[in-house]
Amino acid sequence: MRLAFNPIAAPGGRLVVYGRLDRRPAPLPNAQSYPALTTCTYTLFEVTTDPQRLARGVAFVNAGLACGSLSPVIDRTFDLEDIAEAHLYMESNTQIDKIVVVVRH
C-alpha cells in the first residue's frame, strides 16, 4: 500500500512530528520529493526551559481551556494515594488520552 503525502506547509516550511510514542510507522515525506520541507520532532524542554516560551504556552493553554477550544479527553483518573499505580499505567503506554492524578485536600 502506498500512502500519498500532500504537505500542508509552504515551501521552506517545517513539519513537526508529534506522537513518537505511537509504535505505528508515521508516513513522512520523501526528502527528494520535498527538498524545501524540514521535518523535526518536538520536545517539551524546548518550551519549559525558556521562561518566555513557557509563559506564552501557559497563556495559550489557559485561554483554550477557558473558551472551550481545548478540551482534553481523560483516559483514567487516579487518587494521589495510587500514584505508583498511575505511574505503572503511564509506563505501560496503553492509555489513549490523558491520565489525571487527583489531589484531595
PDB file of N, CA and C in Angstrom:
ATOM      1  N   MET A   1       0.843  -1.175   0.000  1.00  0.00           N
ATOM      2  CA  MET A   1       0.000   0.000   0.000  1.00  0.00           C
ATOM      3  C   MET A   1       0.884   1.232   0.000  1.00  0.00           C
ATOM      4  N   ARG A   2       0.633   2.136  -0.901  1.00  0.00           N
ATOM      5  CA  ARG A   2       1.412   3.365  -0.978  1.00  0.00           C
ATOM      6  C   ARG A   2       0.550   4.521  -0.472  1.00  0.00           C
ATOM      7  N   LEU A   3       1.105   5.282   0.456  1.00  0.00           N
ATOM      8  CA  LEU A   3       0.381   6.421   1.008  1.00  0.00           C
ATOM      9  C   LEU A   3       0.801   7.692   0.283  1.00  0.00           C
ATOM     10  N   ALA A   4      -0.162   8.463  -0.128  1.00  0.00           N
ATOM     11  CA  ALA A   4       0.146   9.757  -0.742  1.00  0.00           C
ATOM     12  C   ALA A   4       0.337  10.774   0.363  1.00  0.00           C
ATOM     13  N   PHE A   5       1.279  11.663   0.178  1.00  0.00           N
ATOM     14  CA  PHE A   5       1.536  12.692   1.173  1.00  0.00           C
ATOM     15  C   PHE A   5       1.444  14.050   0.509  1.00  0.00           C
ATOM     16  N   ASN A   6       0.529  14.851   0.966  1.00  0.00           N
ATOM     17  CA  ASN A   6       0.391  16.219   0.475  1.00  0.00           C
ATOM     18  C   ASN A   6       0.715  17.150   1.625  1.00  0.00           C
ATOM     19  N   PRO A   7       1.895  17.757   1.605  1.00  0.00           N
ATOM     20  CA  PRO A   7       2.273  18.603   2.738  1.00  0.00           C
ATOM     21  C   PRO A   7       1.345  19.797   2.870  1.00  0.00           C
ATOM     22  N   ILE A   8       1.115  20.181   4.104  1.00  0.00           N
ATOM     23  CA  ILE A   8       0.299  21.362   4.362  1.00  0.00           C
ATOM     24  C   ILE A   8       1.194  22.465   4.905  1.00  0.00           C
ATOM     25  N   ALA A   9       2.399  22.518   4.371  1.00  0.00           N
ATOM     26  CA  ALA A   9       3.352  23.560   4.735  1.00  0.00           C
ATOM     27  C   ALA A   9       3.791  24.256   3.454  1.00  0.00           C
ATOM     28  N   ALA A  10       4.054  25.518   3.579  1.00  0.00           N
ATOM     29  CA  ALA A  10       4.520  26.296   2.434  1.00  0.00           C
ATOM     30  C   ALA A  10       5.948  25.886   2.083  1.00  0.00           C
ATOM     31  N   PRO A  11       6.395  26.186   0.867  1.00  0.00           N
ATOM     32  CA  PRO A  11       7.797  25.911   0.534  1.00  0.00           C
ATOM     33  C   PRO A  11       8.712  26.535   1.585  1.00  0.00           C
ATOM     34  N   GLY A  12       9.663  25.746   2.051  1.00  0.00           N
ATOM     35  CA  GLY A  12      10.548  26.205   3.113  1.00  0.00           C
ATOM     36  C   GLY A  12       9.949  26.032   4.490  1.00  0.00           C
ATOM     37  N   GLY A  13       8.759  25.418   4.568  1.00  0.00           N
ATOM     38  CA  GLY A  13       8.063  25.253   5.841  1.00  0.00           C
ATOM     39  C   GLY A  13       8.655  24.144   6.682  1.00  0.00           C
ATOM     40  N   ARG A  14       8.032  23.911   7.816  1.00  0.00           N
ATOM     41  CA  ARG A  14       8.513  22.912   8.774  1.00  0.00           C
ATOM     42  C   ARG A  14       7.361  21.992   9.154  1.00  0.00           C
ATOM     43  N   LEU A  15       7.606  20.696   9.114  1.00  0.00           N
ATOM     44  CA  LEU A  15       6.646  19.690   9.537  1.00  0.00           C
ATOM     45  C   LEU A  15       7.102  19.168  10.881  1.00  0.00           C
ATOM     46  N   VAL A  16       6.273  19.349  11.919  1.00  0.00           N
ATOM     47  CA  VAL A  16       6.621  18.897  13.255  1.00  0.00           C
ATOM     48  C   VAL A  16       5.999  17.513  13.461  1.00  0.00           C
ATOM     49  N   VAL A  17       6.831  16.544  13.774  1.00  0.00           N
ATOM     50  CA  VAL A  17       6.379  15.182  14.014  1.00  0.00           C
ATOM     51  C   VAL A  17       6.064  15.054  15.499  1.00  0.00           C
ATOM     52  N   TYR A  18       4.806  14.758  15.810  1.00  0.00           N
ATOM     53  CA  TYR A  18       4.340  14.695  17.190  1.00  0.00           C
ATOM     54  C   TYR A  18       3.756  13.311  17.443  1.00  0.00           C
ATOM     55  N   GLY A  19       3.989  12.763  18.630  1.00  0.00           N
ATOM     56  CA  GLY A  19       3.404  11.476  18.979  1.00  0.00           C
ATOM     57  C   GLY A  19       4.335  10.313  18.739  1.00  0.00           C
ATOM     58  N   ARG A  20       5.606  10.488  18.983  1.00  0.00           N
ATOM     59  CA  ARG A  20       6.577   9.434  18.711  1.00  0.00           C
ATOM     60  C   ARG A  20       6.434   8.225  19.623  1.00  0.00           C
ATOM     61  N   LEU A  21       5.604   8.275  20.659  1.00  0.00           N
ATOM     62  CA  LEU A  21       5.370   7.102  21.488  1.00  0.00           C
ATOM     63  C   LEU A  21       4.499   6.082  20.772  1.00  0.00           C
ATOM     64  N   ASP A  22       3.793   6.528  19.744  1.00  0.00           N
ATOM     65  CA  ASP A  22       2.965   5.620  18.961  1.00  0.00           C
ATOM     66  C   ASP A  22       3.884   4.668  18.203  1.00  0.00           C
ATOM     67  N   ARG A  23       3.632   3.388  18.323  1.00  0.00           N
ATOM     68  CA  ARG A  23       4.517   2.396  17.692  1.00  0.00           C
ATOM     69  C   ARG A  23       4.269   2.234  16.195  1.00  0.00           C
ATOM     70  N   ARG A  24       3.160   2.776  15.703  1.00  0.00           N
ATOM     71  CA  ARG A  24       2.873   2.648  14.273  1.00  0.00           C
ATOM     72  C   ARG A  24       3.820   3.535  13.466  1.00  0.00           C
ATOM     73  N   PRO A  25       4.212   3.104  12.276  1.00  0.00           N
ATOM     74  CA  PRO A  25       5.080   3.941  11.452  1.00  0.00           C
ATOM     75  C   PRO A  25       4.348   5.206  11.009  1.00  0.00           C
ATOM     76  N   ALA A  26       5.073   6.291  10.993  1.00  0.00           N
ATOM     77  CA  ALA A  26       4.494   7.571  10.562  1.00  0.00           C
ATOM     78  C   ALA A  26       4.920   7.836   9.126  1.00  0.00           C
ATOM     79  N   PRO A  27       3.972   7.959   8.206  1.00  0.00           N
ATOM     80  CA  PRO A  27       4.351   8.250   6.824  1.00  0.00           C
ATOM     81  C   PRO A  27       4.858   9.684   6.713  1.00  0.00           C
ATOM     82  N   LEU A  28       6.120   9.828   6.409  1.00  0.00           N
ATOM     83  CA  LEU A  28       6.727  11.144   6.259  1.00  0.00           C
ATOM     84  C   LEU A  28       7.121  11.367   4.811  1.00  0.00           C
ATOM     85  N   PRO A  29       7.226  12.614   4.407  1.00  0.00           N
ATOM     86  CA  PRO A  29       7.564  12.883   3.012  1.00  0.00           C
ATOM     87  C   PRO A  29       8.974  12.417   2.668  1.00  0.00           C
ATOM     88  N   ASN A  30       9.127  12.006   1.445  1.00  0.00           N
ATOM     89  CA  ASN A  30      10.433  11.635   0.928  1.00  0.00           C
ATOM     90  C   ASN A  30      11.243  12.917   0.729  1.00  0.00           C
ATOM     91  N   ALA A  31      12.438  12.950   1.262  1.00  0.00           N
ATOM     92  CA  ALA A  31      13.262  14.175   1.201  1.00  0.00           C
ATOM     93  C   ALA A  31      13.514  14.623  -0.236  1.00  0.00           C
ATOM     94  N   GLN A  32      13.637  13.672  -1.166  1.00  0.00           N
ATOM     95  CA  GLN A  32      13.884  14.049  -2.555  1.00  0.00           C
ATOM     96  C   GLN A  32      12.653  14.694  -3.190  1.00  0.00           C
ATOM     97  N   SER A  33      11.469  14.293  -2.735  1.00  0.00           N
ATOM     98  CA  SER A  33      10.236  14.830  -3.308  1.00  0.00           C
ATOM     99  C   SER A  33       9.905  16.226  -2.787  1.00  0.00           C
ATOM    100  N   TYR A  34      10.335  16.518  -1.565  1.00  0.00           N
ATOM    101  CA  TYR A  34      10.015  17.793  -0.927  1.00  0.00           C
ATOM    102  C   TYR A  34      11.295  18.404  -0.356  1.00  0.00           C
ATOM    103  N   PRO A  35      12.217  18.846  -1.195  1.00  0.00           N
ATOM    104  CA  PRO A  35      13.518  19.312  -0.685  1.00  0.00           C
ATOM    105  C   PRO A  35      13.437  20.555   0.189  1.00  0.00           C
ATOM    106  N   ALA A  36      12.369  21.342   0.079  1.00  0.00           N
ATOM    107  CA  ALA A  36      12.290  22.574   0.859  1.00  0.00           C
ATOM    108  C   ALA A  36      11.522  22.382   2.162  1.00  0.00           C
ATOM    109  N   LEU A  37      11.113  21.146   2.470  1.00  0.00           N
ATOM    110  CA  LEU A  37      10.347  20.888   3.680  1.00  0.00           C
ATOM    111  C   LEU A  37      11.269  20.325   4.749  1.00  0.00           C
ATOM    112  N   THR A  38      11.287  20.960   5.907  1.00  0.00           N
ATOM    113  CA  THR A  38      12.089  20.496   7.036  1.00  0.00           C
ATOM    114  C   THR A  38      11.197  19.713   7.972  1.00  0.00           C
ATOM    115  N   THR A  39      11.647  18.533   8.415  1.00  0.00           N
ATOM    116  CA  THR A  39      10.903  17.793   9.415  1.00  0.00           C
ATOM    117  C   THR A  39      11.689  17.811  10.716  1.00  0.00           C
ATOM    118  N   CYS A  40      10.972  17.853  11.831  1.00  0.00           N
ATOM    119  CA  CYS A  40      11.625  17.861  13.132  1.00  0.00           C
ATOM    120  C   CYS A  40      10.691  17.225  14.155  1.00  0.00           C
ATOM    121  N   THR A  41      11.240  16.898  15.283  1.00  0.00           N
ATOM    122  CA  THR A  41      10.428  16.392  16.378  1.00  0.00           C
ATOM    123  C   THR A  41      10.297  17.499  17.425  1.00  0.00           C
ATOM    124  N   TYR A  42       9.459  17.270  18.392  1.00  0.00           N
ATOM    125  CA  TYR A  42       9.188  18.256  19.431  1.00  0.00           C
ATOM    126  C   TYR A  42       9.586  17.659  20.768  1.00  0.00           C
ATOM    127  N   THR A  43      10.231  18.457  21.586  1.00  0.00           N
ATOM    128  CA  THR A  43      10.488  18.030  22.957  1.00  0.00           C
ATOM    129  C   THR A  43       9.936  19.093  23.899  1.00  0.00           C
ATOM    130  N   LEU A  44       9.423  18.643  25.005  1.00  0.00           N
ATOM    131  CA  LEU A  44       8.842  19.541  26.000  1.00  0.00           C
ATOM    132  C   LEU A  44       9.845  20.576  26.486  1.00  0.00           C
ATOM    133  N   PHE A  45      11.118  20.187  26.540  1.00  0.00           N
ATOM    134  CA  PHE A  45      12.143  21.078  27.084  1.00  0.00           C
ATOM    135  C   PHE A  45      12.394  22.306  26.220  1.00  0.00           C
ATOM    136  N   GLU A  46      11.967  22.271  24.960  1.00  0.00           N
ATOM    137  CA  GLU A  46      12.078  23.461  24.114  1.00  0.00           C
ATOM    138  C   GLU A  46      11.237  24.598  24.680  1.00  0.00           C
ATOM    139  N   VAL A  47      10.177  24.251  25.381  1.00  0.00           N
ATOM    140  CA  VAL A  47       9.281  25.257  25.965  1.00  0.00           C
ATOM    141  C   VAL A  47       9.587  25.485  27.435  1.00  0.00           C
ATOM    142  N   THR A  48       9.760  24.420  28.203  1.00  0.00           N
ATOM    143  CA  THR A  48       9.854  24.555  29.653  1.00  0.00           C
ATOM    144  C   THR A  48      11.157  25.174  30.135  1.00  0.00           C
ATOM    145  N   THR A  49      12.194  25.173  29.318  1.00  0.00           N
ATOM    146  CA  THR A  49      13.462  25.773  29.746  1.00  0.00           C
ATOM    147  C   THR A  49      13.599  27.224  29.317  1.00  0.00           C
ATOM    148  N   ASP A  50      12.628  27.734  28.599  1.00  0.00           N
ATOM    149  CA  ASP A  50      12.654  29.126  28.139  1.00  0.00           C
ATOM    150  C   ASP A  50      11.486  29.862  28.795  1.00  0.00           C
ATOM    151  N   PRO A  51      11.751  30.754  29.759  1.00  0.00           N
ATOM    152  CA  PRO A  51      10.666  31.414  30.502  1.00  0.00           C
ATOM    153  C   PRO A  51       9.643  32.130  29.612  1.00  0.00           C
ATOM    154  N   GLN A  52      10.087  32.771  28.542  1.00  0.00           N
ATOM    155  CA  GLN A  52       9.136  33.468  27.674  1.00  0.00           C
ATOM    156  C   GLN A  52       8.247  32.483  26.921  1.00  0.00           C
ATOM    157  N   ARG A  53       8.841  31.426  26.386  1.00  0.00           N
ATOM    158  CA  ARG A  53       8.043  30.424  25.687  1.00  0.00           C
ATOM    159  C   ARG A  53       7.078  29.733  26.653  1.00  0.00           C
ATOM    160  N   LEU A  54       7.543  29.457  27.857  1.00  0.00           N
ATOM    161  CA  LEU A  54       6.693  28.813  28.850  1.00  0.00           C
ATOM    162  C   LEU A  54       5.501  29.705  29.194  1.00  0.00           C
ATOM    163  N   ALA A  55       5.733  30.988  29.396  1.00  0.00           N
ATOM    164  CA  ALA A  55       4.639  31.920  29.710  1.00  0.00           C
ATOM    165  C   ALA A  55       3.630  31.973  28.566  1.00  0.00           C
ATOM    166  N   ARG A  56       4.114  32.009  27.313  1.00  0.00           N
ATOM    167  CA  ARG A  56       3.201  32.009  26.158  1.00  0.00           C
ATOM    168  C   ARG A  56       2.416  30.701  26.093  1.00  0.00           C
ATOM    169  N   GLY A  57       3.084  29.577  26.377  1.00  0.00           N
ATOM    170  CA  GLY A  57       2.407  28.283  26.361  1.00  0.00           C
ATOM    171  C   GLY A  57       1.331  28.181  27.423  1.00  0.00           C
ATOM    172  N   VAL A  58       1.647  28.624  28.622  1.00  0.00           N
ATOM    173  CA  VAL A  58       0.676  28.593  29.719  1.00  0.00           C
ATOM    174  C   VAL A  58      -0.528  29.481  29.375  1.00  0.00           C
ATOM    175  N   ALA A  59      -0.269  30.665  28.841  1.00  0.00           N
ATOM    176  CA  ALA A  59      -1.363  31.574  28.467  1.00  0.00           C
ATOM    177  C   ALA A  59      -2.230  30.951  27.372  1.00  0.00           C
ATOM    178  N   PHE A  60      -1.595  30.295  26.401  1.00  0.00           N
ATOM    179  CA  PHE A  60      -2.334  29.648  25.309  1.00  0.00           C
ATOM    180  C   PHE A  60      -3.237  28.538  25.835  1.00  0.00           C
ATOM    181  N   VAL A  61      -2.697  27.691  26.681  1.00  0.00           N
ATOM    182  CA  VAL A  61      -3.478  26.576  27.229  1.00  0.00           C
ATOM    183  C   VAL A  61      -4.603  27.098  28.111  1.00  0.00           C
ATOM    184  N   ASN A  62      -4.310  28.049  28.989  1.00  0.00           N
ATOM    185  CA  ASN A  62      -5.355  28.592  29.867  1.00  0.00           C
ATOM    186  C   ASN A  62      -6.478  29.236  29.066  1.00  0.00           C
ATOM    187  N   ALA A  63      -6.126  29.986  28.029  1.00  0.00           N
ATOM    188  CA  ALA A  63      -7.149  30.619  27.189  1.00  0.00           C
ATOM    189  C   ALA A  63      -7.971  29.563  26.460  1.00  0.00           C
ATOM    190  N   GLY A  64      -7.325  28.534  25.954  1.00  0.00           N
ATOM    191  CA  GLY A  64      -8.041  27.467  25.248  1.00  0.00           C
ATOM    192  C   GLY A  64      -8.980  26.690  26.155  1.00  0.00           C
ATOM    193  N   LEU A  65      -8.554  26.450  27.386  1.00  0.00           N
ATOM    194  CA  LEU A  65      -9.426  25.771  28.344  1.00  0.00           C
ATOM    195  C   LEU A  65     -10.604  26.659  28.724  1.00  0.00           C
ATOM    196  N   ALA A  66     -10.334  27.957  28.901  1.00  0.00           N
ATOM    197  CA  ALA A  66     -11.386  28.892  29.312  1.00  0.00           C
ATOM    198  C   ALA A  66     -12.473  29.034  28.245  1.00  0.00           C
ATOM    199  N   CYS A  67     -12.084  29.078  26.974  1.00  0.00           N
ATOM    200  CA  CYS A  67     -13.078  29.287  25.916  1.00  0.00           C
ATOM    201  C   CYS A  67     -13.619  27.980  25.348  1.00  0.00           C
ATOM    202  N   GLY A  68     -13.024  26.848  25.738  1.00  0.00           N
ATOM    203  CA  GLY A  68     -13.526  25.561  25.280  1.00  0.00           C
ATOM    204  C   GLY A  68     -12.906  25.044  23.998  1.00  0.00           C
ATOM    205  N   SER A  69     -11.959  25.785  23.410  1.00  0.00           N
ATOM    206  CA  SER A  69     -11.333  25.290  22.182  1.00  0.00           C
ATOM    207  C   SER A  69     -10.369  24.135  22.468  1.00  0.00           C
ATOM    208  N   LEU A  70      -9.911  24.024  23.703  1.00  0.00           N
ATOM    209  CA  LEU A  70      -9.124  22.876  24.148  1.00  0.00           C
ATOM    210  C   LEU A  70      -9.956  22.113  25.161  1.00  0.00           C
ATOM    211  N   SER A  71     -10.223  20.864  24.881  1.00  0.00           N
ATOM    212  CA  SER A  71     -10.985  20.047  25.831  1.00  0.00           C
ATOM    213  C   SER A  71     -10.324  18.671  25.907  1.00  0.00           C
ATOM    214  N   PRO A  72      -9.374  18.517  26.827  1.00  0.00           N
ATOM    215  CA  PRO A  72      -8.648  17.256  26.925  1.00  0.00           C
ATOM    216  C   PRO A  72      -9.583  16.089  27.254  1.00  0.00           C
ATOM    217  N   VAL A  73      -9.284  14.947  26.683  1.00  0.00           N
ATOM    218  CA  VAL A  73     -10.050  13.734  26.946  1.00  0.00           C
ATOM    219  C   VAL A  73      -9.279  12.927  27.989  1.00  0.00           C
ATOM    220  N   ILE A  74      -9.977  12.533  29.031  1.00  0.00           N
ATOM    221  CA  ILE A  74      -9.331  11.823  30.134  1.00  0.00           C
ATOM    222  C   ILE A  74      -9.517  10.322  29.946  1.00  0.00           C
ATOM    223  N   ASP A  75      -8.408   9.607  29.932  1.00  0.00           N
ATOM    224  CA  ASP A  75      -8.417   8.151  29.807  1.00  0.00           C
ATOM    225  C   ASP A  75      -8.739   7.497  31.142  1.00  0.00           C
ATOM    226  N   ARG A  76      -8.042   7.961  32.185  1.00  0.00           N
ATOM    227  CA  ARG A  76      -8.210   7.345  33.503  1.00  0.00           C
ATOM    228  C   ARG A  76      -7.801   8.332  34.587  1.00  0.00           C
ATOM    229  N   THR A  77      -8.449   8.247  35.735  1.00  0.00           N
ATOM    230  CA  THR A  77      -8.161   9.119  36.868  1.00  0.00           C
ATOM    231  C   THR A  77      -7.691   8.274  38.053  1.00  0.00           C
ATOM    232  N   PHE A  78      -6.662   8.768  38.754  1.00  0.00           N
ATOM    233  CA  PHE A  78      -6.119   8.090  39.931  1.00  0.00           C
ATOM    234  C   PHE A  78      -6.091   9.064  41.100  1.00  0.00           C
ATOM    235  N   ASP A  79      -6.304   8.569  42.316  1.00  0.00           N
ATOM    236  CA  ASP A  79      -6.080   9.366  43.511  1.00  0.00           C
ATOM    237  C   ASP A  79      -4.574   9.441  43.758  1.00  0.00           C
ATOM    238  N   LEU A  80      -4.136  10.488  44.428  1.00  0.00           N
ATOM    239  CA  LEU A  80      -2.719  10.650  44.720  1.00  0.00           C
ATOM    240  C   LEU A  80      -2.163   9.441  45.476  1.00  0.00           C
ATOM    241  N   GLU A  81      -2.990   8.847  46.323  1.00  0.00           N
ATOM    242  CA  GLU A  81      -2.545   7.678  47.077  1.00  0.00           C
ATOM    243  C   GLU A  81      -2.178   6.512  46.151  1.00  0.00           C
ATOM    244  N   ASP A  82      -2.691   6.526  44.934  1.00  0.00           N
ATOM    245  CA  ASP A  82      -2.441   5.461  43.958  1.00  0.00           C
ATOM    246  C   ASP A  82      -1.430   5.892  42.900  1.00  0.00           C
ATOM    247  N   ILE A  83      -0.516   6.787  43.277  1.00  0.00           N
ATOM    248  CA  ILE A  83       0.431   7.335  42.305  1.00  0.00           C
ATOM    249  C   ILE A  83       1.321   6.256  41.688  1.00  0.00           C
ATOM    250  N   ALA A  84       1.690   5.243  42.467  1.00  0.00           N
ATOM    251  CA  ALA A  84       2.521   4.162  41.910  1.00  0.00           C
ATOM    252  C   ALA A  84       1.764   3.426  40.802  1.00  0.00           C
ATOM    253  N   GLU A  85       0.490   3.152  41.030  1.00  0.00           N
ATOM    254  CA  GLU A  85      -0.336   2.501  40.009  1.00  0.00           C
ATOM    255  C   GLU A  85      -0.484   3.397  38.779  1.00  0.00           C
ATOM    256  N   ALA A  86      -0.652   4.695  39.008  1.00  0.00           N
ATOM    257  CA  ALA A  86      -0.766   5.650  37.898  1.00  0.00           C
ATOM    258  C   ALA A  86       0.511   5.648  37.065  1.00  0.00           C
ATOM    259  N   HIS A  87       1.645   5.609  37.732  1.00  0.00           N
ATOM    260  CA  HIS A  87       2.932   5.592  37.019  1.00  0.00           C
ATOM    261  C   HIS A  87       3.083   4.316  36.210  1.00  0.00           C
ATOM    262  N   LEU A  88       2.718   3.190  36.798  1.00  0.00           N
ATOM    263  CA  LEU A  88       2.790   1.932  36.053  1.00  0.00           C
ATOM    264  C   LEU A  88       1.889   1.964  34.826  1.00  0.00           C
ATOM    265  N   TYR A  89       0.706   2.536  34.989  1.00  0.00           N
ATOM    266  CA  TYR A  89      -0.220   2.652  33.859  1.00  0.00           C
ATOM    267  C   TYR A  89       0.383   3.536  32.765  1.00  0.00           C
ATOM    268  N   MET A  90       0.978   4.653  33.164  1.00  0.00           N
ATOM    269  CA  MET A  90       1.602   5.542  32.187  1.00  0.00           C
ATOM    270  C   MET A  90       2.754   4.834  31.476  1.00  0.00           C
ATOM    271  N   GLU A  91       3.583   4.125  32.240  1.00  0.00           N
ATOM    272  CA  GLU A  91       4.728   3.431  31.657  1.00  0.00           C
ATOM    273  C   GLU A  91       4.314   2.313  30.712  1.00  0.00           C
ATOM    274  N   SER A  92       3.101   1.780  30.892  1.00  0.00           N
ATOM    275  CA  SER A  92       2.628   0.712  30.001  1.00  0.00           C
ATOM    276  C   SER A  92       2.347   1.239  28.594  1.00  0.00           C
ATOM    277  N   ASN A  93       2.158   2.552  28.485  1.00  0.00           N
ATOM    278  CA  ASN A  93       1.884   3.211  27.196  1.00  0.00           C
ATOM    279  C   ASN A  93       0.637   2.639  26.521  1.00  0.00           C
ATOM    280  N   THR A  94      -0.346   2.263  27.315  1.00  0.00           N
ATOM    281  CA  THR A  94      -1.584   1.732  26.755  1.00  0.00           C
ATOM    282  C   THR A  94      -2.729   2.737  26.808  1.00  0.00           C
ATOM    283  N   GLN A  95      -2.501   3.878  27.448  1.00  0.00           N
ATOM    284  CA  GLN A  95      -3.557   4.877  27.530  1.00  0.00           C
ATOM    285  C   GLN A  95      -3.780   5.502  26.156  1.00  0.00           C
ATOM    286  N   ILE A  96      -4.999   5.951  25.956  1.00  0.00           N
ATOM    287  CA  ILE A  96      -5.346   6.614  24.701  1.00  0.00           C
ATOM    288  C   ILE A  96      -5.265   8.137  24.876  1.00  0.00           C
ATOM    289  N   ASP A  97      -5.692   8.623  26.005  1.00  0.00           N
ATOM    290  CA  ASP A  97      -5.701  10.065  26.234  1.00  0.00           C
ATOM    291  C   ASP A  97      -4.984  10.386  27.546  1.00  0.00           C
ATOM    292  N   LYS A  98      -5.440  11.369  28.243  1.00  0.00           N
ATOM    293  CA  LYS A  98      -4.746  11.888  29.424  1.00  0.00           C
ATOM    294  C   LYS A  98      -4.976  11.047  30.671  1.00  0.00           C
ATOM    295  N   ILE A  99      -3.943  11.022  31.508  1.00  0.00           N
ATOM    296  CA  ILE A  99      -4.029  10.392  32.819  1.00  0.00           C
ATOM    297  C   ILE A  99      -4.043  11.525  33.829  1.00  0.00           C
ATOM    298  N   VAL A 100      -4.986  11.495  34.753  1.00  0.00           N
ATOM    299  CA  VAL A 100      -5.137  12.567  35.742  1.00  0.00           C
ATOM    300  C   VAL A 100      -4.920  11.992  37.126  1.00  0.00           C
ATOM    301  N   VAL A 101      -4.123  12.711  37.934  1.00  0.00           N
ATOM    302  CA  VAL A 101      -3.937  12.366  39.343  1.00  0.00           C
ATOM    303  C   VAL A 101      -4.659  13.419  40.165  1.00  0.00           C
ATOM    304  N   VAL A 102      -5.580  12.982  41.000  1.00  0.00           N
ATOM    305  CA  VAL A 102      -6.409  13.888  41.800  1.00  0.00           C
ATOM    306  C   VAL A 102      -5.808  14.032  43.189  1.00  0.00           C
ATOM    307  N   VAL A 103      -5.619  15.278  43.623  1.00  0.00           N
ATOM    308  CA  VAL A 103      -5.121  15.571  44.965  1.00  0.00           C
ATOM    309  C   VAL A 103      -6.303  16.084  45.768  1.00  0.00           C
ATOM    310  N   ARG A 104      -6.653  15.346  46.791  1.00  0.00           N
ATOM    311  CA  ARG A 104      -7.786  15.742  47.643  1.00  0.00           C
ATOM    312  C   ARG A 104      -7.231  16.410  48.899  1.00  0.00           C
ATOM    313  N   HIS A 105      -7.876  17.482  49.320  1.00  0.00           N
ATOM    314  CA  HIS A 105      -7.401  18.223  50.498  1.00  0.00           C
ATOM    315  C   HIS A 105      -8.146  17.814  51.733  1.00  0.00           C
TER     316      HIS A 105
END
